[in-house]
Amino acid sequence: MSKTPGTFDDGYESTLTEDSRDFVSALASGLEVILAFDQNNRQMTLSEVTARTGMNRAKARRFLLTLEALGYVRKNQRNFELTPKILSLGYAYLSSNNFHSVIQQYLENISQNLGESSSLGVLDGEDVVYVARAAAKHRLMSITLSVGTHLPAIVTSMGRVLLAQKSDAQLDAFLEHIEPVRYTDKTITDKTILRQLIQQVRLQGYCIVDQELDSALRSLALPVFDNKGKLVGALNVSTNAARISIDTLTREFLPYLQARIKEMSQYLN
């Protein structure tokens, strides 16, 4: 692996290589151990962590014990698991952005008024990560969506909106790097078509994705900028495809979201 994913400059990939004098391999390995835990791997033995990270047993053990000493991991007999203290790492991002409370309030109002879940996401490598969310009572997908959830950017409305903010060169680099996965019979995996769709999103200023990630999911997303014109993220509304038509999204939801985002942007700096 020649490059390490990051969120510098264009939000996709940094240019720091692993053999650079500035690259701290111990920090990278510690983060890799943390990220090995997920919804399907909440508790793992040392052997399981070793298998998921590709580290040798002694190295993985040292990082787990260090994280345990710092309070980010706890051990239950043979199993390791993350502790609630790990949330402080994510909170550092949220608290450093003083606009988060404003966004959350708007998301809750949007969700209440439309009766649908609303979220704000940002790009993280090949994924869009949820950084704020107001969930409706009804459940749309088989997986639980929450702050911190990662979904493949290329098949989500928020992801395509954020990709549309990239330059042509950056978008080409992104598409060259990824391997699109088919999730439903409507998933678009042809990179030429995907590029055309993202360019269309750039022109029209919004994106609708219809049942490409989940057969029940239809979503609408728009970019959010602060009052200085800097990209903050993408805001979406997720709906049930059987209940909310594309016509309803464009005729009713779109102008409503455009107005709310215009209001919200005044308070973001």
Protein backbone atom coordinates (compact mmCIF):
# COMPACT_ATOMS: atom_id res chain seq x y z
CA MET A 1 0.00 0.00 0.00
CA SER A 2 1.65 3.19 -1.16
CA LYS A 3 -0.68 5.77 0.32
CA THR A 4 -2.58 6.15 3.50
CA PRO A 5 -6.22 7.32 3.32
CA GLY A 6 -6.85 10.69 4.90
CA THR A 7 -9.09 13.71 4.75
CA PHE A 8 -6.56 16.37 3.87
CA ASP A 9 -7.14 18.95 1.13
CA ASP A 10 -9.77 17.31 -1.11
CA GLY A 11 -11.14 15.03 1.62
CA TYR A 12 -10.16 11.84 -0.18
CA GLU A 13 -6.54 10.83 0.16
CA SER A 14 -3.39 12.31 1.64
CA THR A 15 -0.04 12.17 -0.13
CA LEU A 16 1.91 10.95 2.94
CA THR A 17 3.36 7.51 2.27
CA GLU A 18 3.99 4.85 4.90
CA ASP A 19 7.73 5.05 4.38
CA SER A 20 7.78 8.82 4.96
CA ARG A 21 9.75 10.07 7.96
CA ASP A 22 6.60 11.90 9.12
CA PHE A 23 4.42 8.78 9.09
CA VAL A 24 3.84 7.43 12.63
CA SER A 25 3.22 3.73 12.12
CA ALA A 26 2.39 3.09 15.79
CA LEU A 27 -0.43 5.64 15.68
CA ALA A 28 -1.73 4.16 12.43
CA SER A 29 -1.69 0.66 13.90
CA GLY A 30 -3.48 1.78 17.05
CA LEU A 31 -6.23 3.35 14.99
CA GLU A 32 -6.42 0.20 12.87
CA VAL A 33 -7.09 -1.86 15.99
CA ILE A 34 -9.86 0.53 17.08
CA LEU A 35 -11.48 0.46 13.64
CA ALA A 36 -11.42 -3.36 13.63
CA PHE A 37 -14.39 -3.22 16.03
CA ASP A 38 -17.74 -2.61 14.38
CA GLN A 39 -21.42 -3.56 14.57
CA ASN A 40 -20.68 -7.17 13.66
CA ASN A 41 -17.51 -7.42 15.75
CA ARG A 42 -18.32 -5.77 19.06
CA GLN A 43 -16.30 -8.26 21.05
CA MET A 44 -13.21 -10.02 19.75
CA THR A 45 -10.47 -12.28 21.01
CA LEU A 46 -6.85 -11.45 20.37
CA SER A 47 -6.83 -13.98 17.54
CA GLU A 48 -9.85 -12.32 15.92
CA VAL A 49 -8.27 -8.86 16.15
CA THR A 50 -5.10 -10.31 14.64
CA ALA A 51 -7.09 -11.79 11.76
CA ARG A 52 -9.03 -8.58 11.04
CA THR A 53 -6.00 -6.28 11.15
CA GLY A 54 -3.40 -8.57 9.61
CA MET A 55 -1.01 -7.79 12.49
CA ASN A 56 1.06 -10.43 14.18
CA ARG A 57 -0.22 -11.62 17.53
CA ALA A 58 2.40 -9.87 19.68
CA LYS A 59 1.86 -6.50 18.00
CA ALA A 60 -1.93 -6.65 18.25
CA ARG A 61 -1.66 -7.67 21.91
CA ARG A 62 0.54 -4.66 22.73
CA PHE A 63 -1.91 -2.23 21.13
CA LEU A 64 -4.93 -3.81 22.83
CA LEU A 65 -3.26 -3.68 26.23
CA THR A 66 -2.19 -0.06 25.66
CA LEU A 67 -5.75 0.91 24.68
CA GLU A 68 -6.99 -0.95 27.75
CA ALA A 69 -4.57 0.97 29.98
CA LEU A 70 -5.84 4.24 28.47
CA GLY A 71 -9.45 3.23 29.08
CA TYR A 72 -10.54 2.89 25.43
CA VAL A 73 -10.75 -0.91 25.52
CA ARG A 74 -11.78 -3.36 28.23
CA LYS A 75 -11.18 -7.08 28.53
CA ASN A 76 -13.87 -9.57 29.48
CA GLN A 77 -12.19 -12.92 29.97
CA ARG A 78 -10.77 -13.69 26.49
CA ASN A 79 -12.72 -10.96 24.69
CA PHE A 80 -11.82 -7.33 24.10
CA GLU A 81 -14.39 -4.60 23.46
CA LEU A 82 -14.44 -0.83 23.11
CA THR A 83 -15.53 1.29 26.07
CA PRO A 84 -17.78 4.38 25.98
CA LYS A 85 -14.62 6.48 26.33
CA ILE A 86 -13.99 5.86 22.63
CA LEU A 87 -16.85 8.28 21.94
CA SER A 88 -14.61 11.11 23.15
CA LEU A 89 -12.57 10.72 19.96
CA GLY A 90 -15.63 11.34 17.81
CA TYR A 91 -16.82 14.11 20.11
CA ALA A 92 -13.55 15.93 19.52
CA TYR A 93 -14.64 16.36 15.90
CA LEU A 94 -18.18 17.39 16.78
CA SER A 95 -17.15 19.84 19.49
CA SER A 96 -14.53 21.43 17.24
CA ASN A 97 -17.35 22.35 14.88
CA ASN A 98 -19.46 24.82 16.83
CA PHE A 99 -22.21 24.62 14.23
CA HIS A 100 -23.19 21.07 15.25
CA SER A 101 -25.97 22.15 17.61
CA VAL A 102 -27.45 24.35 14.87
CA ILE A 103 -27.41 21.48 12.37
CA GLN A 104 -28.93 19.06 14.85
CA GLN A 105 -31.79 21.42 15.60
CA TYR A 106 -32.54 21.84 11.89
CA LEU A 107 -32.37 18.09 11.27
CA GLU A 108 -34.86 17.47 14.07
CA ASN A 109 -37.22 20.12 12.67
CA ILE A 110 -36.92 18.66 9.18
CA SER A 111 -37.60 15.15 10.44
CA GLN A 112 -40.59 16.30 12.46
CA ASN A 113 -42.13 18.32 9.63
CA LEU A 114 -41.57 15.76 6.86
CA GLY A 115 -42.01 12.66 8.98
CA GLU A 116 -38.77 11.20 7.57
CA SER A 117 -35.24 10.68 8.85
CA SER A 118 -32.73 13.43 8.11
CA SER A 119 -28.94 13.32 8.32
CA LEU A 120 -25.74 15.23 7.65
CA GLY A 121 -22.76 13.39 6.23
CA VAL A 122 -19.18 14.07 5.17
CA LEU A 123 -16.76 12.14 2.98
CA ASP A 124 -14.26 9.79 4.58
CA GLY A 125 -12.23 7.99 1.94
CA GLU A 126 -14.63 5.92 -0.17
CA ASP A 127 -17.45 6.33 2.36
CA VAL A 128 -19.88 8.92 3.56
CA VAL A 129 -19.94 9.05 7.36
CA TYR A 130 -22.94 10.26 9.33
CA VAL A 131 -21.98 13.13 11.66
CA ALA A 132 -25.50 14.22 12.69
CA ARG A 133 -28.88 12.53 12.43
CA ALA A 134 -32.52 12.88 13.41
CA ALA A 135 -34.28 9.54 12.97
CA ALA A 136 -37.96 9.04 12.23
CA LYS A 137 -39.84 6.39 14.17
CA HIS A 138 -40.15 4.00 11.24
CA ARG A 139 -37.13 1.99 10.19
CA LEU A 140 -36.01 2.07 6.57
CA MET A 141 -33.05 -0.30 6.28
CA SER A 142 -31.95 -3.63 7.67
CA ILE A 143 -28.93 -1.90 9.26
CA THR A 144 -29.19 0.70 11.99
CA LEU A 145 -28.08 4.17 10.89
CA SER A 146 -26.56 6.43 13.53
CA VAL A 147 -23.83 9.02 14.00
CA GLY A 148 -20.59 7.33 12.95
CA THR A 149 -22.18 4.97 10.42
CA HIS A 150 -20.19 4.59 7.21
CA LEU A 151 -21.87 3.83 3.89
CA PRO A 152 -20.31 3.60 0.41
CA ALA A 153 -20.43 7.13 -1.02
CA ILE A 154 -21.03 6.09 -4.60
CA VAL A 155 -24.47 4.55 -3.91
CA THR A 156 -25.80 7.19 -1.51
CA SER A 157 -27.38 10.56 -2.25
CA MET A 158 -25.14 12.34 0.28
CA GLY A 159 -22.07 10.66 -1.17
CA ARG A 160 -22.85 11.71 -4.72
CA VAL A 161 -23.61 15.27 -3.62
CA LEU A 162 -20.23 15.45 -1.91
CA LEU A 163 -18.44 13.87 -4.87
CA ALA A 164 -20.08 16.47 -7.10
CA GLN A 165 -18.15 19.16 -5.19
CA LYS A 166 -14.84 17.69 -6.33
CA SER A 167 -12.93 18.83 -9.39
CA ASP A 168 -13.05 16.65 -12.50
CA ALA A 169 -9.53 15.42 -11.78
CA GLN A 170 -10.38 14.53 -8.19
CA LEU A 171 -13.56 12.76 -9.28
CA ASP A 172 -11.68 10.77 -11.91
CA ALA A 173 -9.12 9.71 -9.29
CA PHE A 174 -11.89 8.62 -6.95
CA LEU A 175 -13.71 6.58 -9.59
CA GLU A 176 -10.48 4.96 -10.74
CA HIS A 177 -9.73 3.87 -7.18
CA ILE A 178 -13.07 2.31 -6.23
CA GLU A 179 -14.67 -1.02 -7.13
CA PRO A 180 -18.46 -0.46 -7.19
CA VAL A 181 -20.54 -3.17 -5.51
CA ARG A 182 -24.05 -4.18 -6.62
CA TYR A 183 -26.44 -4.05 -3.63
CA THR A 184 -29.78 -4.27 -5.48
CA ASP A 185 -30.91 -4.78 -9.05
CA LYS A 186 -31.01 -0.97 -9.36
CA THR A 187 -27.43 -0.34 -8.22
CA ILE A 188 -25.41 1.50 -10.87
CA THR A 189 -21.89 0.10 -11.10
CA ASP A 190 -20.78 1.41 -14.51
CA LYS A 191 -18.17 4.10 -13.77
CA THR A 192 -18.93 6.07 -16.92
CA ILE A 193 -22.59 6.33 -15.99
CA LEU A 194 -21.69 7.17 -12.39
CA ARG A 195 -19.46 10.01 -13.55
CA GLN A 196 -22.29 11.38 -15.72
CA LEU A 197 -24.76 11.16 -12.83
CA ILE A 198 -22.39 13.00 -10.47
CA GLN A 199 -21.80 15.71 -13.07
CA GLN A 200 -25.57 16.07 -13.36
CA VAL A 201 -25.79 16.44 -9.57
CA ARG A 202 -23.18 19.20 -9.80
CA LEU A 203 -25.33 21.07 -12.31
CA GLN A 204 -28.72 20.66 -10.64
CA GLY A 205 -27.53 21.06 -7.04
CA TYR A 206 -29.20 18.00 -5.56
CA CYS A 207 -29.25 14.22 -5.85
CA ILE A 208 -31.90 11.52 -5.64
CA VAL A 209 -30.80 7.91 -5.26
CA ASP A 210 -33.54 5.36 -5.82
CA GLN A 211 -33.16 1.92 -4.22
CA GLU A 212 -29.49 1.45 -5.13
CA LEU A 213 -28.26 0.65 -1.62
CA ASP A 214 -31.43 -0.94 -0.26
CA SER A 215 -34.57 -1.99 -2.16
CA ALA A 216 -36.77 -0.03 0.25
CA LEU A 217 -34.70 3.15 0.37
CA ARG A 218 -35.13 6.34 -1.64
CA SER A 219 -33.24 9.48 -0.61
CA LEU A 220 -32.74 13.11 -1.53
CA ALA A 221 -29.60 15.08 -0.62
CA LEU A 222 -28.25 18.61 -1.06
CA PRO A 223 -24.91 20.23 -0.23
CA VAL A 224 -24.60 22.46 2.85
CA PHE A 225 -22.23 25.42 2.86
CA ASP A 226 -21.39 27.77 5.72
CA ASN A 227 -21.92 31.53 5.49
CA LYS A 228 -18.49 31.93 3.88
CA GLY A 229 -19.24 29.42 1.12
CA LYS A 230 -17.18 26.56 2.56
CA LEU A 231 -18.60 23.06 2.17
CA VAL A 232 -19.86 21.67 5.48
CA GLY A 233 -21.35 18.39 4.27
CA ALA A 234 -24.43 16.97 2.62
CA LEU A 235 -27.91 16.91 4.13
CA ASN A 236 -30.36 14.19 3.17
CA VAL A 237 -33.87 12.94 3.80
CA SER A 238 -34.34 9.17 3.59
CA THR A 239 -37.74 7.77 2.67
CA ASN A 240 -39.49 4.49 2.00
CA ALA A 241 -39.65 3.94 -1.75
CA ALA A 242 -43.12 2.42 -1.52
CA ARG A 243 -44.50 5.39 0.40
CA ILE A 244 -42.78 8.48 -1.07
CA SER A 245 -42.54 8.90 -4.84
CA ILE A 246 -39.70 10.61 -6.71
CA ASP A 247 -42.23 13.23 -7.81
CA THR A 248 -43.01 14.02 -4.17
CA LEU A 249 -39.31 14.31 -3.41
CA THR A 250 -38.70 16.81 -6.20
CA ARG A 251 -41.99 18.73 -6.01
CA GLU A 252 -42.44 18.98 -2.21
CA PHE A 253 -39.32 17.87 -0.31
CA LEU A 254 -36.71 19.59 -2.50
CA PRO A 255 -37.96 23.20 -2.20
CA TYR A 256 -38.56 22.67 1.52
CA LEU A 257 -34.98 21.46 2.08
CA GLN A 258 -33.54 24.22 -0.08
CA ALA A 259 -35.28 26.81 2.09
CA ARG A 260 -34.19 25.18 5.37
CA ILE A 261 -30.58 24.85 4.25
CA LYS A 262 -30.50 28.49 3.15
CA GLU A 263 -31.71 29.50 6.63
CA MET A 264 -29.30 27.17 8.41
CA SER A 265 -26.26 28.31 6.42
CA GLN A 266 -26.58 31.82 7.88
CA TYR A 267 -25.65 30.41 11.29
CA LEU A 268 -22.74 28.26 10.14
CA ASN A 269 -19.25 29.72 10.22
